[in-house]
Amino acid sequence: MPYIDAKLSIELNEEQKNELQTKLTDVVSSAFSKPKTYIMANIEDKKSLYMAEKKLDKGAYLSVSLLGSTSKPACQILTKNICDILSVYGIDSSKTYITYHPTDLWGWNGMMF
């Protein structure tokens, strides 16, 4: 907790995936004051993403789930940081959606937090 689910239309090699997950974990950890040891990330590349009925060559959708609540200002800062990270991979922020999913119900290790 948190969980970062990233779907990208571009192809990444393993080194790039590892680099991206590290960068995303860093900014999510910082934004929500969560230890990196509890953050899980999923990076999926080569996804067919569409916007305005057109297939995106370079686009992204990220979903960030977290235990507890958050604020719009914290999500705004994180959104900018994520878009800055994705721009390194050629993904424009206008082709990026990010959703946030705070929840009080989170299970781990056979129990609930």
C-alpha atoms as a PDB file:
ATOM      1  CA  MET A   1       0.000   0.000   0.000  1.00  0.00           C
ATOM      2  CA  PRO A   2       0.146   2.002  -2.208  1.00  0.00           C
ATOM      3  CA  TYR A   3      -0.188   0.088  -5.444  1.00  0.00           C
ATOM      4  CA  ILE A   4       0.867   1.687  -8.738  1.00  0.00           C
ATOM      5  CA  ASP A   5      -0.663   0.184 -11.876  1.00  0.00           C
ATOM      6  CA  ALA A   6       0.916   1.637 -15.026  1.00  0.00           C
ATOM      7  CA  LYS A   7      -0.197   0.787 -18.526  1.00  0.00           C
ATOM      8  CA  LEU A   8       1.897   2.249 -21.337  1.00  0.00           C
ATOM      9  CA  SER A   9       1.456   2.096 -25.094  1.00  0.00           C
ATOM     10  CA  ILE A  10       5.229   2.168 -25.640  1.00  0.00           C
ATOM     11  CA  GLU A  11       7.602  -0.769 -25.376  1.00  0.00           C
ATOM     12  CA  LEU A  12      10.191  -0.808 -22.606  1.00  0.00           C
ATOM     13  CA  ASN A  13      13.087  -3.157 -22.017  1.00  0.00           C
ATOM     14  CA  GLU A  14      13.603  -4.674 -18.559  1.00  0.00           C
ATOM     15  CA  GLU A  15      16.124  -2.040 -17.534  1.00  0.00           C
ATOM     16  CA  GLN A  16      13.674   0.731 -18.453  1.00  0.00           C
ATOM     17  CA  LYS A  17      10.845  -1.013 -16.564  1.00  0.00           C
ATOM     18  CA  ASN A  18      13.014  -1.295 -13.459  1.00  0.00           C
ATOM     19  CA  GLU A  19      14.059   2.341 -13.782  1.00  0.00           C
ATOM     20  CA  LEU A  20      10.450   3.483 -14.230  1.00  0.00           C
ATOM     21  CA  GLN A  21       9.152   1.512 -11.257  1.00  0.00           C
ATOM     22  CA  THR A  22      11.933   2.969  -9.094  1.00  0.00           C
ATOM     23  CA  LYS A  23      11.063   6.527 -10.139  1.00  0.00           C
ATOM     24  CA  LEU A  24       7.332   5.976  -9.647  1.00  0.00           C
ATOM     25  CA  THR A  25       7.888   4.344  -6.266  1.00  0.00           C
ATOM     26  CA  ASP A  26      10.039   7.289  -5.191  1.00  0.00           C
ATOM     27  CA  VAL A  27       7.467   9.960  -6.061  1.00  0.00           C
ATOM     28  CA  VAL A  28       4.518   8.004  -4.630  1.00  0.00           C
ATOM     29  CA  SER A  29       6.440   7.334  -1.422  1.00  0.00           C
ATOM     30  CA  SER A  30       7.252  11.023  -1.111  1.00  0.00           C
ATOM     31  CA  ALA A  31       3.746  12.270  -1.986  1.00  0.00           C
ATOM     32  CA  PHE A  32       1.946  10.064   0.524  1.00  0.00           C
ATOM     33  CA  SER A  33       4.688   9.605   3.156  1.00  0.00           C
ATOM     34  CA  LYS A  34       4.548   5.839   2.706  1.00  0.00           C
ATOM     35  CA  PRO A  35       7.566   3.564   3.123  1.00  0.00           C
ATOM     36  CA  LYS A  36       8.923   2.193  -0.152  1.00  0.00           C
ATOM     37  CA  THR A  37       8.984  -1.294   1.371  1.00  0.00           C
ATOM     38  CA  TYR A  38       5.159  -1.406   1.202  1.00  0.00           C
ATOM     39  CA  ILE A  39       4.737  -0.044  -2.333  1.00  0.00           C
ATOM     40  CA  MET A  40       3.885  -2.473  -5.121  1.00  0.00           C
ATOM     41  CA  ALA A  41       4.130  -1.494  -8.783  1.00  0.00           C
ATOM     42  CA  ASN A  42       2.960  -3.067 -12.017  1.00  0.00           C
ATOM     43  CA  ILE A  43       4.414  -1.831 -15.301  1.00  0.00           C
ATOM     44  CA  GLU A  44       2.673  -3.072 -18.439  1.00  0.00           C
ATOM     45  CA  ASP A  45       3.982  -1.942 -21.803  1.00  0.00           C
ATOM     46  CA  LYS A  46       2.762  -2.367 -25.386  1.00  0.00           C
ATOM     47  CA  LYS A  47      -0.873  -1.761 -24.359  1.00  0.00           C
ATOM     48  CA  SER A  48      -3.455  -0.618 -26.888  1.00  0.00           C
ATOM     49  CA  LEU A  49      -4.552   2.729 -25.471  1.00  0.00           C
ATOM     50  CA  TYR A  50      -7.018   4.983 -27.246  1.00  0.00           C
ATOM     51  CA  MET A  51      -7.945   8.613 -26.700  1.00  0.00           C
ATOM     52  CA  ALA A  52     -10.550  10.511 -28.713  1.00  0.00           C
ATOM     53  CA  GLU A  53     -11.062   7.294 -30.689  1.00  0.00           C
ATOM     54  CA  LYS A  54      -7.452   7.294 -31.870  1.00  0.00           C
ATOM     55  CA  LYS A  55      -4.814   4.770 -30.940  1.00  0.00           C
ATOM     56  CA  LEU A  56      -1.992   6.353 -28.976  1.00  0.00           C
ATOM     57  CA  ASP A  57       1.559   5.649 -30.091  1.00  0.00           C
ATOM     58  CA  LYS A  58       2.816   7.205 -26.860  1.00  0.00           C
ATOM     59  CA  GLY A  59       0.266   7.288 -24.062  1.00  0.00           C
ATOM     60  CA  ALA A  60      -0.226   6.081 -20.508  1.00  0.00           C
ATOM     61  CA  TYR A  61      -2.854   5.271 -17.909  1.00  0.00           C
ATOM     62  CA  LEU A  62      -1.828   5.006 -14.261  1.00  0.00           C
ATOM     63  CA  SER A  63      -3.932   4.038 -11.301  1.00  0.00           C
ATOM     64  CA  VAL A  64      -2.629   4.723  -7.805  1.00  0.00           C
ATOM     65  CA  SER A  65      -4.385   2.952  -4.951  1.00  0.00           C
ATOM     66  CA  LEU A  66      -3.534   3.769  -1.348  1.00  0.00           C
ATOM     67  CA  LEU A  67      -4.578   2.998   2.178  1.00  0.00           C
ATOM     68  CA  GLY A  68      -6.316   5.906   3.846  1.00  0.00           C
ATOM     69  CA  SER A  69      -7.242   9.303   2.490  1.00  0.00           C
ATOM     70  CA  THR A  70      -5.378  11.874   0.455  1.00  0.00           C
ATOM     71  CA  SER A  71      -5.875  15.428  -0.714  1.00  0.00           C
ATOM     72  CA  LYS A  72      -6.290  17.010  -4.110  1.00  0.00           C
ATOM     73  CA  PRO A  73      -3.121  19.138  -3.642  1.00  0.00           C
ATOM     74  CA  ALA A  74      -1.045  16.005  -2.907  1.00  0.00           C
ATOM     75  CA  CYS A  75      -2.489  14.302  -6.000  1.00  0.00           C
ATOM     76  CA  GLN A  76      -1.825  17.425  -8.090  1.00  0.00           C
ATOM     77  CA  ILE A  77       1.862  17.412  -7.137  1.00  0.00           C
ATOM     78  CA  LEU A  78       2.103  13.675  -7.766  1.00  0.00           C
ATOM     79  CA  THR A  79       0.353  14.023 -11.137  1.00  0.00           C
ATOM     80  CA  LYS A  80       2.940  16.590 -12.254  1.00  0.00           C
ATOM     81  CA  ASN A  81       5.803  14.424 -10.996  1.00  0.00           C
ATOM     82  CA  ILE A  82       4.467  11.338 -12.780  1.00  0.00           C
ATOM     83  CA  CYS A  83       3.976  13.278 -16.022  1.00  0.00           C
ATOM     84  CA  ASP A  84       7.530  14.625 -15.751  1.00  0.00           C
ATOM     85  CA  ILE A  85       8.830  11.073 -15.337  1.00  0.00           C
ATOM     86  CA  LEU A  86       6.829   9.784 -18.309  1.00  0.00           C
ATOM     87  CA  SER A  87       8.064  12.622 -20.528  1.00  0.00           C
ATOM     88  CA  VAL A  88      11.556  11.069 -20.352  1.00  0.00           C
ATOM     89  CA  TYR A  89      10.044   8.087 -22.198  1.00  0.00           C
ATOM     90  CA  GLY A  90       8.440  10.333 -24.820  1.00  0.00           C
ATOM     91  CA  ILE A  91       4.950  10.251 -23.314  1.00  0.00           C
ATOM     92  CA  ASP A  92       3.250  13.649 -23.352  1.00  0.00           C
ATOM     93  CA  SER A  93       1.152  14.640 -20.339  1.00  0.00           C
ATOM     94  CA  SER A  94      -1.791  15.370 -22.651  1.00  0.00           C
ATOM     95  CA  LYS A  95      -1.799  11.644 -23.478  1.00  0.00           C
ATOM     96  CA  THR A  96      -1.715  10.532 -19.839  1.00  0.00           C
ATOM     97  CA  TYR A  97      -4.560   9.761 -17.449  1.00  0.00           C
ATOM     98  CA  ILE A  98      -3.947   9.152 -13.746  1.00  0.00           C
ATOM     99  CA  THR A  99      -6.604   8.069 -11.267  1.00  0.00           C
ATOM    100  CA  TYR A 100      -6.346   7.896  -7.478  1.00  0.00           C
ATOM    101  CA  HIS A 101      -8.122   5.345  -5.325  1.00  0.00           C
ATOM    102  CA  PRO A 102      -7.916   5.896  -1.571  1.00  0.00           C
ATOM    103  CA  THR A 103      -9.474   3.111   0.502  1.00  0.00           C
ATOM    104  CA  ASP A 104      -9.828   2.116   4.138  1.00  0.00           C
ATOM    105  CA  LEU A 105     -10.029  -1.573   3.231  1.00  0.00           C
ATOM    106  CA  TRP A 106      -6.633  -3.079   2.467  1.00  0.00           C
ATOM    107  CA  GLY A 107      -5.511  -6.634   3.068  1.00  0.00           C
ATOM    108  CA  TRP A 108      -1.976  -7.930   3.337  1.00  0.00           C
ATOM    109  CA  ASN A 109      -0.281 -10.970   4.768  1.00  0.00           C
ATOM    110  CA  GLY A 110      -3.551 -12.729   5.609  1.00  0.00           C
ATOM    111  CA  MET A 111      -5.002  -9.796   7.554  1.00  0.00           C
ATOM    112  CA  MET A 112      -6.465  -6.328   7.199  1.00  0.00           C
ATOM    113  CA  PHE A 113      -4.598  -3.124   7.952  1.00  0.00           C
END
